[in-house]
C-alpha cells in the first residue's frame, strides 16, 4: 500500500496546470489553471499530485505542462 505514503513522499518535480476542461469528470473543482502542483508519483499516463482539496489525486498528463 505504497499510495498511503505518497503525500509525505519527496516531490519528484513541479508541473503547471494548463486547463481544467474535462469531457467526463469534474476536475475544475480540484485543479486551477495556471497553478503549480508538486508531483509525488508518475506513470505513463498520469501524474499523482496534491490537488486543491489537499489530498493526492491522479490526473491525466493532458492537463499539465512541465
PDB file of N, CA and C in Angstrom:
ATOM      1  N   UNK A   1       0.829  -1.172   0.000  1.00  0.00           N
ATOM      2  CA  UNK A   1       0.000   0.000   0.000  1.00  0.00           C
ATOM      3  C   UNK A   1       0.881   1.245   0.000  1.00  0.00           C
ATOM      4  N   UNK A   2       1.677   1.351  -1.048  1.00  0.00           N
ATOM      5  CA  UNK A   2       2.591   2.475  -1.174  1.00  0.00           C
ATOM      6  C   UNK A   2       1.870   3.806  -1.325  1.00  0.00           C
ATOM      7  N   UNK A   3       0.669   3.790  -1.878  1.00  0.00           N
ATOM      8  CA  UNK A   3      -0.057   5.031  -2.116  1.00  0.00           C
ATOM      9  C   UNK A   3      -0.406   5.767  -0.824  1.00  0.00           C
ATOM     10  N   UNK A   4      -0.395   5.090   0.302  1.00  0.00           N
ATOM     11  CA  UNK A   4      -0.701   5.732   1.581  1.00  0.00           C
ATOM     12  C   UNK A   4       0.415   6.679   2.026  1.00  0.00           C
ATOM     13  N   UNK A   5       1.618   6.476   1.525  1.00  0.00           N
ATOM     14  CA  UNK A   5       2.764   7.300   1.898  1.00  0.00           C
ATOM     15  C   UNK A   5       3.083   8.396   0.892  1.00  0.00           C
ATOM     16  N   UNK A   6       2.359   8.492  -0.219  1.00  0.00           N
ATOM     17  CA  UNK A   6       2.684   9.450  -1.271  1.00  0.00           C
ATOM     18  C   UNK A   6       2.616  10.894  -0.803  1.00  0.00           C
ATOM     19  N   UNK A   7       1.700  11.219   0.071  1.00  0.00           N
ATOM     20  CA  UNK A   7       1.549  12.607   0.497  1.00  0.00           C
ATOM     21  C   UNK A   7       2.802  13.097   1.239  1.00  0.00           C
ATOM     22  N   UNK A   8       3.465  12.217   1.963  1.00  0.00           N
ATOM     23  CA  UNK A   8       4.674  12.567   2.706  1.00  0.00           C
ATOM     24  C   UNK A   8       5.942  12.342   1.893  1.00  0.00           C
ATOM     25  N   UNK A   9       5.809  11.774   0.713  1.00  0.00           N
ATOM     26  CA  UNK A   9       6.948  11.445  -0.126  1.00  0.00           C
ATOM     27  C   UNK A   9       7.592  12.712  -0.694  1.00  0.00           C
ATOM     28  N   UNK A  10       8.850  12.604  -1.034  1.00  0.00           N
ATOM     29  CA  UNK A  10       9.583  13.724  -1.630  1.00  0.00           C
ATOM     30  C   UNK A  10       8.996  14.071  -2.999  1.00  0.00           C
ATOM     31  N   UNK A  11       8.972  15.350  -3.324  1.00  0.00           N
ATOM     32  CA  UNK A  11       8.433  15.817  -4.598  1.00  0.00           C
ATOM     33  C   UNK A  11       9.389  15.458  -5.729  1.00  0.00           C
ATOM     34  N   UNK A  12       8.855  14.874  -6.808  1.00  0.00           N
ATOM     35  CA  UNK A  12       9.658  14.484  -7.965  1.00  0.00           C
ATOM     36  C   UNK A  12       9.966  15.709  -8.821  1.00  0.00           C
ATOM     37  N   UNK A  13       8.920  16.488  -9.133  1.00  0.00           N
ATOM     38  CA  UNK A  13       9.065  17.700  -9.939  1.00  0.00           C
ATOM     39  C   UNK A  13       7.818  18.551  -9.752  1.00  0.00           C
ATOM     40  N   UNK A  14       7.847  19.739 -10.316  1.00  0.00           N
ATOM     41  CA  UNK A  14       6.717  20.649 -10.247  1.00  0.00           C
ATOM     42  C   UNK A  14       6.169  20.848 -11.650  1.00  0.00           C
ATOM     43  N   UNK A  15       4.836  20.798 -11.783  1.00  0.00           N
ATOM     44  CA  UNK A  15       4.172  20.981 -13.072  1.00  0.00           C
ATOM     45  C   UNK A  15       3.136  22.091 -12.954  1.00  0.00           C
ATOM     46  N   UNK A  16       2.734  22.628 -14.099  1.00  0.00           N
ATOM     47  CA  UNK A  16       1.746  23.704 -14.135  1.00  0.00           C
ATOM     48  C   UNK A  16       0.492  23.210 -14.838  1.00  0.00           C
ATOM     49  N   UNK A  17      -0.650  23.498 -14.251  1.00  0.00           N
ATOM     50  CA  UNK A  17      -1.926  23.110 -14.844  1.00  0.00           C
ATOM     51  C   UNK A  17      -2.230  24.046 -16.006  1.00  0.00           C
ATOM     52  N   UNK A  18      -2.512  23.488 -17.177  1.00  0.00           N
ATOM     53  CA  UNK A  18      -2.839  24.287 -18.357  1.00  0.00           C
ATOM     54  C   UNK A  18      -4.331  24.558 -18.468  1.00  0.00           C
ATOM     55  N   UNK A  19      -5.142  23.553 -18.192  1.00  0.00           N
ATOM     56  CA  UNK A  19      -6.593  23.711 -18.282  1.00  0.00           C
ATOM     57  C   UNK A  19      -7.271  22.709 -17.368  1.00  0.00           C
ATOM     58  N   UNK A  20      -8.538  22.946 -17.087  1.00  0.00           N
ATOM     59  CA  UNK A  20      -9.326  22.034 -16.254  1.00  0.00           C
ATOM     60  C   UNK A  20     -10.630  21.682 -16.957  1.00  0.00           C
ATOM     61  N   UNK A  21     -10.577  21.630 -18.282  1.00  0.00           N
ATOM     62  CA  UNK A  21     -11.754  21.293 -19.094  1.00  0.00           C
ATOM     63  C   UNK A  21     -11.740  19.805 -19.402  1.00  0.00           C
ATOM     64  N   UNK A  22     -12.618  19.078 -18.773  1.00  0.00           N
ATOM     65  CA  UNK A  22     -12.689  17.639 -18.982  1.00  0.00           C
ATOM     66  C   UNK A  22     -14.064  17.267 -19.520  1.00  0.00           C
ATOM     67  N   UNK A  23     -14.088  16.308 -20.420  1.00  0.00           N
ATOM     68  CA  UNK A  23     -15.358  15.871 -21.008  1.00  0.00           C
ATOM     69  C   UNK A  23     -16.166  15.008 -20.037  1.00  0.00           C
ATOM     70  N   UNK A  24     -15.485  14.170 -19.254  1.00  0.00           N
ATOM     71  CA  UNK A  24     -16.181  13.212 -18.400  1.00  0.00           C
ATOM     72  C   UNK A  24     -16.235  13.600 -16.933  1.00  0.00           C
ATOM     73  N   UNK A  25     -15.168  14.188 -16.421  1.00  0.00           N
ATOM     74  CA  UNK A  25     -15.033  14.362 -14.977  1.00  0.00           C
ATOM     75  C   UNK A  25     -15.040  15.832 -14.592  1.00  0.00           C
ATOM     76  N   UNK A  26     -15.276  16.107 -13.331  1.00  0.00           N
ATOM     77  CA  UNK A  26     -15.310  17.468 -12.795  1.00  0.00           C
ATOM     78  C   UNK A  26     -13.954  17.811 -12.177  1.00  0.00           C
ATOM     79  N   UNK A  27     -12.953  17.990 -12.996  1.00  0.00           N
ATOM     80  CA  UNK A  27     -11.633  18.319 -12.461  1.00  0.00           C
ATOM     81  C   UNK A  27     -11.488  19.801 -12.143  1.00  0.00           C
ATOM     82  N   UNK A  28     -12.403  20.623 -12.614  1.00  0.00           N
ATOM     83  CA  UNK A  28     -12.304  22.058 -12.337  1.00  0.00           C
ATOM     84  C   UNK A  28     -12.521  22.372 -10.858  1.00  0.00           C
ATOM     85  N   UNK A  29     -13.028  21.426 -10.106  1.00  0.00           N
ATOM     86  CA  UNK A  29     -13.208  21.612  -8.654  1.00  0.00           C
ATOM     87  C   UNK A  29     -11.909  21.434  -7.884  1.00  0.00           C
ATOM     88  N   UNK A  30     -10.970  20.685  -8.445  1.00  0.00           N
ATOM     89  CA  UNK A  30      -9.740  20.370  -7.717  1.00  0.00           C
ATOM     90  C   UNK A  30      -8.468  20.845  -8.417  1.00  0.00           C
ATOM     91  N   UNK A  31      -8.576  21.376  -9.637  1.00  0.00           N
ATOM     92  CA  UNK A  31      -7.424  21.919 -10.348  1.00  0.00           C
ATOM     93  C   UNK A  31      -7.691  23.370 -10.721  1.00  0.00           C
ATOM     94  N   UNK A  32      -6.646  24.190 -10.651  1.00  0.00           N
ATOM     95  CA  UNK A  32      -6.740  25.592 -11.030  1.00  0.00           C
ATOM     96  C   UNK A  32      -5.754  25.856 -12.157  1.00  0.00           C
ATOM     97  N   UNK A  33      -6.232  26.264 -13.341  1.00  0.00           N
ATOM     98  CA  UNK A  33      -5.311  26.575 -14.434  1.00  0.00           C
ATOM     99  C   UNK A  33      -4.321  27.671 -14.034  1.00  0.00           C
ATOM    100  N   UNK A  34      -3.057  27.457 -14.382  1.00  0.00           N
ATOM    101  CA  UNK A  34      -2.004  28.405 -14.051  1.00  0.00           C
ATOM    102  C   UNK A  34      -1.305  28.132 -12.731  1.00  0.00           C
ATOM    103  N   UNK A  35      -1.861  27.255 -11.907  1.00  0.00           N
ATOM    104  CA  UNK A  35      -1.273  26.944 -10.609  1.00  0.00           C
ATOM    105  C   UNK A  35      -0.239  25.825 -10.741  1.00  0.00           C
ATOM    106  N   UNK A  36       0.814  25.898  -9.939  1.00  0.00           N
ATOM    107  CA  UNK A  36       1.849  24.863  -9.917  1.00  0.00           C
ATOM    108  C   UNK A  36       1.499  23.800  -8.884  1.00  0.00           C
ATOM    109  N   UNK A  37       1.762  22.550  -9.248  1.00  0.00           N
ATOM    110  CA  UNK A  37       1.483  21.414  -8.370  1.00  0.00           C
ATOM    111  C   UNK A  37       2.736  20.558  -8.245  1.00  0.00           C
ATOM    112  N   UNK A  38       2.924  19.961  -7.068  1.00  0.00           N
ATOM    113  CA  UNK A  38       4.053  19.071  -6.818  1.00  0.00           C
ATOM    114  C   UNK A  38       3.669  17.649  -7.188  1.00  0.00           C
ATOM    115  N   UNK A  39       4.500  17.011  -8.018  1.00  0.00           N
ATOM    116  CA  UNK A  39       4.269  15.627  -8.441  1.00  0.00           C
ATOM    117  C   UNK A  39       4.875  14.699  -7.403  1.00  0.00           C
ATOM    118  N   UNK A  40       4.047  13.805  -6.874  1.00  0.00           N
ATOM    119  CA  UNK A  40       4.502  12.838  -5.878  1.00  0.00           C
ATOM    120  C   UNK A  40       4.794  11.476  -6.495  1.00  0.00           C
ATOM    121  N   UNK A  41       4.113  11.151  -7.605  1.00  0.00           N
ATOM    122  CA  UNK A  41       4.355   9.908  -8.327  1.00  0.00           C
ATOM    123  C   UNK A  41       3.898  10.119  -9.764  1.00  0.00           C
ATOM    124  N   UNK A  42       4.421   9.306 -10.678  1.00  0.00           N
ATOM    125  CA  UNK A  42       4.114   9.478 -12.096  1.00  0.00           C
ATOM    126  C   UNK A  42       4.082   8.121 -12.780  1.00  0.00           C
ATOM    127  N   UNK A  43       3.137   7.956 -13.702  1.00  0.00           N
ATOM    128  CA  UNK A  43       3.092   6.777 -14.562  1.00  0.00           C
ATOM    129  C   UNK A  43       3.141   7.263 -16.002  1.00  0.00           C
ATOM    130  N   UNK A  44       2.942   6.364 -16.946  1.00  0.00           N
ATOM    131  CA  UNK A  44       2.968   6.759 -18.359  1.00  0.00           C
ATOM    132  C   UNK A  44       1.839   7.716 -18.716  1.00  0.00           C
ATOM    133  N   UNK A  45       0.688   7.571 -18.090  1.00  0.00           N
ATOM    134  CA  UNK A  45      -0.483   8.376 -18.429  1.00  0.00           C
ATOM    135  C   UNK A  45      -0.877   9.404 -17.378  1.00  0.00           C
ATOM    136  N   UNK A  46      -0.467   9.209 -16.126  1.00  0.00           N
ATOM    137  CA  UNK A  46      -0.987  10.020 -15.032  1.00  0.00           C
ATOM    138  C   UNK A  46       0.106  10.659 -14.185  1.00  0.00           C
ATOM    139  N   UNK A  47      -0.240  11.833 -13.638  1.00  0.00           N
ATOM    140  CA  UNK A  47       0.527  12.458 -12.567  1.00  0.00           C
ATOM    141  C   UNK A  47      -0.280  12.294 -11.284  1.00  0.00           C
ATOM    142  N   UNK A  48       0.374  11.994 -10.200  1.00  0.00           N
ATOM    143  CA  UNK A  48      -0.270  11.931  -8.892  1.00  0.00           C
ATOM    144  C   UNK A  48       0.235  13.130  -8.102  1.00  0.00           C
ATOM    145  N   UNK A  49      -0.684  14.052  -7.820  1.00  0.00           N
ATOM    146  CA  UNK A  49      -0.332  15.329  -7.204  1.00  0.00           C
ATOM    147  C   UNK A  49      -1.203  15.580  -5.977  1.00  0.00           C
ATOM    148  N   UNK A  50      -0.807  16.567  -5.198  1.00  0.00           N
ATOM    149  CA  UNK A  50      -1.676  17.050  -4.120  1.00  0.00           C
ATOM    150  C   UNK A  50      -2.518  18.153  -4.743  1.00  0.00           C
ATOM    151  N   UNK A  51      -3.809  17.898  -4.900  1.00  0.00           N
ATOM    152  CA  UNK A  51      -4.694  18.847  -5.578  1.00  0.00           C
ATOM    153  C   UNK A  51      -5.228  19.903  -4.610  1.00  0.00           C
ATOM    154  N   UNK A  52      -6.173  20.710  -5.059  1.00  0.00           N
ATOM    155  CA  UNK A  52      -6.711  21.809  -4.246  1.00  0.00           C
ATOM    156  C   UNK A  52      -7.446  21.334  -2.998  1.00  0.00           C
ATOM    157  N   UNK A  53      -7.855  20.080  -2.966  1.00  0.00           N
ATOM    158  CA  UNK A  53      -8.532  19.555  -1.775  1.00  0.00           C
ATOM    159  C   UNK A  53      -7.546  19.161  -0.681  1.00  0.00           C
ATOM    160  N   UNK A  54      -6.249  19.153  -1.013  1.00  0.00           N
ATOM    161  CA  UNK A  54      -5.226  18.774  -0.048  1.00  0.00           C
ATOM    162  C   UNK A  54      -4.943  17.287  -0.016  1.00  0.00           C
ATOM    163  N   UNK A  55      -5.561  16.550  -0.925  1.00  0.00           N
ATOM    164  CA  UNK A  55      -5.367  15.099  -0.980  1.00  0.00           C
ATOM    165  C   UNK A  55      -4.654  14.725  -2.277  1.00  0.00           C
ATOM    166  N   UNK A  56      -4.110  13.515  -2.303  1.00  0.00           N
ATOM    167  CA  UNK A  56      -3.461  13.012  -3.509  1.00  0.00           C
ATOM    168  C   UNK A  56      -4.525  12.648  -4.530  1.00  0.00           C
ATOM    169  N   UNK A  57      -4.323  13.090  -5.768  1.00  0.00           N
ATOM    170  CA  UNK A  57      -5.228  12.755  -6.853  1.00  0.00           C
ATOM    171  C   UNK A  57      -4.433  12.379  -8.084  1.00  0.00           C
ATOM    172  N   UNK A  58      -4.962  11.480  -8.882  1.00  0.00           N
ATOM    173  CA  UNK A  58      -4.326  11.076 -10.129  1.00  0.00           C
ATOM    174  C   UNK A  58      -5.024  11.751 -11.294  1.00  0.00           C
ATOM    175  N   UNK A  59      -4.255  12.459 -12.114  1.00  0.00           N
ATOM    176  CA  UNK A  59      -4.813  13.204 -13.243  1.00  0.00           C
ATOM    177  C   UNK A  59      -4.029  12.904 -14.505  1.00  0.00           C
ATOM    178  N   UNK A  60      -4.735  12.865 -15.631  1.00  0.00           N
ATOM    179  CA  UNK A  60      -4.070  12.635 -16.904  1.00  0.00           C
ATOM    180  C   UNK A  60      -3.065  13.736 -17.185  1.00  0.00           C
ATOM    181  N   UNK A  61      -2.026  13.381 -17.894  1.00  0.00           N
ATOM    182  CA  UNK A  61      -0.964  14.339 -18.200  1.00  0.00           C
ATOM    183  C   UNK A  61      -1.416  15.439 -19.150  1.00  0.00           C
ATOM    184  N   UNK A  62      -2.581  15.269 -19.794  1.00  0.00           N
ATOM    185  CA  UNK A  62      -3.115  16.256 -20.742  1.00  0.00           C
ATOM    186  C   UNK A  62      -3.377  17.608 -20.098  1.00  0.00           C
ATOM    187  N   UNK A  63      -3.641  17.623 -18.809  1.00  0.00           N
ATOM    188  CA  UNK A  63      -3.995  18.858 -18.123  1.00  0.00           C
ATOM    189  C   UNK A  63      -2.787  19.719 -17.742  1.00  0.00           C
ATOM    190  N   UNK A  64      -1.578  19.195 -17.887  1.00  0.00           N
ATOM    191  CA  UNK A  64      -0.391  19.853 -17.337  1.00  0.00           C
ATOM    192  C   UNK A  64       0.701  20.043 -18.389  1.00  0.00           C
ATOM    193  N   UNK A  65       1.633  20.937 -18.032  1.00  0.00           N
ATOM    194  CA  UNK A  65       2.883  21.066 -18.774  1.00  0.00           C
ATOM    195  C   UNK A  65       4.009  21.151 -17.751  1.00  0.00           C
ATOM    196  N   UNK A  66       5.162  20.670 -18.163  1.00  0.00           N
ATOM    197  CA  UNK A  66       6.305  20.672 -17.234  1.00  0.00           C
ATOM    198  C   UNK A  66       7.019  22.001 -17.264  1.00  0.00           C
TER     199      UNK A  66
END
